[in-house]
Amino acid sequence: MLEGELETQVEDGPVFRLKPGDTLCEPSMALHRATRNVNPDKPAKILAVHLTPIDAKELVIPEPEK
């Protein structure tokens, strides 16, 4: 997390609040349920690094409609 604050949830885990300097490592193929900018008046900036197999076909898997 570079600037601002985000709340995020991975799979059915807890909601995390990330602040500048925080890091989050998600397991491979985990469903990223939600991400929310905590302060709508201050943009959040993140640095994301994605490591994927060379033969990966989908990086985003939509959640089934309910």
N, C-alpha and C. Protein backbone atom coordinates (compact mmCIF):
# COMPACT_ATOMS: atom_id res chain seq x y z
N MET A 1 0.86 -1.16 0.00
CA MET A 1 0.00 0.00 0.00
C MET A 1 0.90 1.22 0.00
N LEU A 2 0.70 2.08 -1.00
CA LEU A 2 1.55 3.27 -1.13
C LEU A 2 0.94 4.50 -0.47
N GLU A 3 -0.34 4.75 -0.74
CA GLU A 3 -1.03 5.93 -0.18
C GLU A 3 -2.48 5.59 0.10
N GLY A 4 -3.08 6.33 1.03
CA GLY A 4 -4.49 6.14 1.35
C GLY A 4 -4.74 4.88 2.16
N GLU A 5 -5.99 4.44 2.18
CA GLU A 5 -6.38 3.23 2.91
C GLU A 5 -7.41 2.46 2.10
N LEU A 6 -7.29 1.14 2.12
CA LEU A 6 -8.24 0.25 1.47
C LEU A 6 -8.75 -0.78 2.45
N GLU A 7 -9.98 -1.20 2.25
CA GLU A 7 -10.48 -2.40 2.92
C GLU A 7 -10.64 -3.46 1.84
N THR A 8 -10.20 -4.67 2.11
CA THR A 8 -10.27 -5.74 1.14
C THR A 8 -10.58 -7.07 1.81
N GLN A 9 -11.16 -7.98 1.06
CA GLN A 9 -11.51 -9.30 1.57
C GLN A 9 -11.12 -10.34 0.53
N VAL A 10 -10.47 -11.40 0.97
CA VAL A 10 -10.07 -12.50 0.11
C VAL A 10 -10.81 -13.75 0.58
N GLU A 11 -11.46 -14.42 -0.38
CA GLU A 11 -12.28 -15.59 -0.07
C GLU A 11 -13.28 -15.23 1.03
N ASP A 12 -13.47 -16.12 2.02
CA ASP A 12 -14.40 -15.86 3.12
C ASP A 12 -13.67 -15.35 4.36
N GLY A 13 -12.44 -14.88 4.17
CA GLY A 13 -11.64 -14.40 5.29
C GLY A 13 -12.12 -13.06 5.80
N PRO A 14 -11.42 -12.55 6.79
CA PRO A 14 -11.82 -11.27 7.38
C PRO A 14 -11.56 -10.12 6.42
N VAL A 15 -12.20 -8.99 6.68
CA VAL A 15 -11.94 -7.77 5.93
C VAL A 15 -10.69 -7.14 6.54
N PHE A 16 -9.71 -6.85 5.69
CA PHE A 16 -8.46 -6.23 6.13
C PHE A 16 -8.49 -4.76 5.78
N ARG A 17 -7.95 -3.93 6.66
CA ARG A 17 -7.75 -2.51 6.35
C ARG A 17 -6.25 -2.34 6.11
N LEU A 18 -5.91 -1.89 4.92
CA LEU A 18 -4.52 -1.69 4.54
C LEU A 18 -4.18 -0.21 4.57
N LYS A 19 -3.04 0.11 5.18
CA LYS A 19 -2.56 1.48 5.29
C LYS A 19 -1.18 1.56 4.63
N PRO A 20 -0.68 2.76 4.34
CA PRO A 20 0.63 2.87 3.70
C PRO A 20 1.70 2.03 4.41
N GLY A 21 2.44 1.28 3.62
CA GLY A 21 3.48 0.40 4.15
C GLY A 21 3.02 -1.03 4.35
N ASP A 22 1.70 -1.26 4.40
CA ASP A 22 1.16 -2.62 4.58
C ASP A 22 1.29 -3.42 3.29
N THR A 23 1.38 -4.74 3.45
CA THR A 23 1.40 -5.65 2.30
C THR A 23 0.36 -6.73 2.50
N LEU A 24 -0.07 -7.32 1.40
CA LEU A 24 -1.03 -8.41 1.43
C LEU A 24 -0.61 -9.42 0.37
N CYS A 25 -0.48 -10.66 0.77
CA CYS A 25 -0.14 -11.73 -0.16
C CYS A 25 -1.35 -12.67 -0.25
N GLU A 26 -1.89 -12.81 -1.45
CA GLU A 26 -3.06 -13.65 -1.65
C GLU A 26 -2.62 -14.99 -2.24
N PRO A 27 -3.26 -16.09 -1.82
CA PRO A 27 -2.93 -17.38 -2.42
C PRO A 27 -3.37 -17.44 -3.88
N SER A 28 -2.72 -18.29 -4.63
CA SER A 28 -3.06 -18.47 -6.03
C SER A 28 -4.51 -18.87 -6.20
N MET A 29 -5.17 -18.27 -7.19
CA MET A 29 -6.56 -18.56 -7.56
C MET A 29 -7.57 -18.22 -6.47
N ALA A 30 -7.20 -17.39 -5.50
CA ALA A 30 -8.13 -16.97 -4.46
C ALA A 30 -9.13 -15.96 -5.03
N LEU A 31 -10.36 -16.04 -4.57
CA LEU A 31 -11.38 -15.09 -4.99
C LEU A 31 -11.24 -13.81 -4.17
N HIS A 32 -11.02 -12.72 -4.87
CA HIS A 32 -10.89 -11.41 -4.23
C HIS A 32 -12.30 -10.83 -4.18
N ARG A 33 -12.96 -10.93 -3.04
CA ARG A 33 -14.38 -10.59 -2.92
C ARG A 33 -14.69 -9.10 -3.03
N ALA A 34 -13.91 -8.27 -2.39
CA ALA A 34 -14.25 -6.85 -2.36
C ALA A 34 -13.01 -6.02 -2.07
N THR A 35 -13.01 -4.82 -2.61
CA THR A 35 -12.00 -3.81 -2.27
C THR A 35 -12.71 -2.47 -2.25
N ARG A 36 -12.45 -1.72 -1.21
CA ARG A 36 -13.13 -0.43 -1.04
C ARG A 36 -12.14 0.61 -0.57
N ASN A 37 -12.15 1.75 -1.23
CA ASN A 37 -11.35 2.88 -0.79
C ASN A 37 -12.01 3.44 0.47
N VAL A 38 -11.29 3.49 1.57
CA VAL A 38 -11.86 3.93 2.85
C VAL A 38 -12.26 5.40 2.82
N ASN A 39 -11.45 6.24 2.19
CA ASN A 39 -11.72 7.67 2.16
C ASN A 39 -11.98 8.10 0.72
N PRO A 40 -13.24 8.35 0.35
CA PRO A 40 -13.55 8.71 -1.04
C PRO A 40 -12.93 10.03 -1.50
N ASP A 41 -12.48 10.86 -0.56
CA ASP A 41 -11.87 12.14 -0.92
C ASP A 41 -10.36 12.04 -1.14
N LYS A 42 -9.78 10.88 -0.83
CA LYS A 42 -8.34 10.69 -0.98
C LYS A 42 -8.10 9.38 -1.72
N PRO A 43 -7.63 9.45 -2.97
CA PRO A 43 -7.40 8.22 -3.73
C PRO A 43 -6.37 7.31 -3.05
N ALA A 44 -6.61 6.03 -3.16
CA ALA A 44 -5.65 5.05 -2.65
C ALA A 44 -4.74 4.65 -3.80
N LYS A 45 -3.46 4.44 -3.50
CA LYS A 45 -2.50 3.98 -4.50
C LYS A 45 -1.86 2.69 -3.99
N ILE A 46 -1.85 1.68 -4.87
CA ILE A 46 -1.24 0.41 -4.51
C ILE A 46 -0.24 0.02 -5.59
N LEU A 47 0.66 -0.85 -5.21
CA LEU A 47 1.57 -1.49 -6.15
C LEU A 47 1.21 -2.97 -6.13
N ALA A 48 0.71 -3.47 -7.25
CA ALA A 48 0.30 -4.88 -7.32
C ALA A 48 1.25 -5.64 -8.23
N VAL A 49 1.69 -6.79 -7.76
CA VAL A 49 2.55 -7.68 -8.55
C VAL A 49 1.83 -9.00 -8.68
N HIS A 50 1.56 -9.41 -9.91
CA HIS A 50 0.87 -10.67 -10.17
C HIS A 50 1.86 -11.65 -10.78
N LEU A 51 2.01 -12.81 -10.17
CA LEU A 51 2.84 -13.87 -10.71
C LEU A 51 1.92 -14.97 -11.18
N THR A 52 1.96 -15.28 -12.46
CA THR A 52 1.05 -16.28 -13.01
C THR A 52 1.83 -17.28 -13.86
N PRO A 53 1.31 -18.50 -13.96
CA PRO A 53 1.95 -19.47 -14.85
C PRO A 53 1.89 -18.98 -16.29
N ILE A 54 2.85 -19.36 -17.10
CA ILE A 54 2.90 -18.91 -18.49
C ILE A 54 1.68 -19.36 -19.28
N ASP A 55 1.03 -20.45 -18.86
CA ASP A 55 -0.12 -20.97 -19.60
C ASP A 55 -1.46 -20.56 -18.97
N ALA A 56 -1.46 -19.59 -18.08
CA ALA A 56 -2.70 -19.13 -17.45
C ALA A 56 -3.62 -18.54 -18.50
N LYS A 57 -4.89 -18.95 -18.47
CA LYS A 57 -5.86 -18.49 -19.45
C LYS A 57 -6.74 -17.36 -18.89
N GLU A 58 -7.04 -17.39 -17.60
CA GLU A 58 -7.89 -16.37 -16.98
C GLU A 58 -7.22 -15.81 -15.74
N LEU A 59 -7.17 -14.50 -15.64
CA LEU A 59 -6.66 -13.88 -14.42
C LEU A 59 -7.79 -13.41 -13.53
N VAL A 60 -8.96 -13.19 -14.13
CA VAL A 60 -10.14 -12.77 -13.38
C VAL A 60 -11.23 -13.80 -13.63
N ILE A 61 -11.77 -14.34 -12.56
CA ILE A 61 -12.84 -15.32 -12.68
C ILE A 61 -14.08 -14.71 -12.02
N PRO A 62 -15.07 -14.32 -12.83
CA PRO A 62 -16.28 -13.69 -12.26
C PRO A 62 -17.01 -14.63 -11.32
N GLU A 63 -17.57 -14.05 -10.26
CA GLU A 63 -18.38 -14.82 -9.32
C GLU A 63 -19.71 -15.15 -10.00
N PRO A 64 -20.22 -16.38 -9.83
CA PRO A 64 -21.49 -16.74 -10.45
C PRO A 64 -22.63 -15.82 -9.98
N GLU A 65 -23.56 -15.53 -10.90
CA GLU A 65 -24.71 -14.72 -10.53
C GLU A 65 -25.59 -15.49 -9.57
N LYS A 66 -26.22 -14.77 -8.65
CA LYS A 66 -27.07 -15.42 -7.64
C LYS A 66 -28.51 -15.39 -8.05
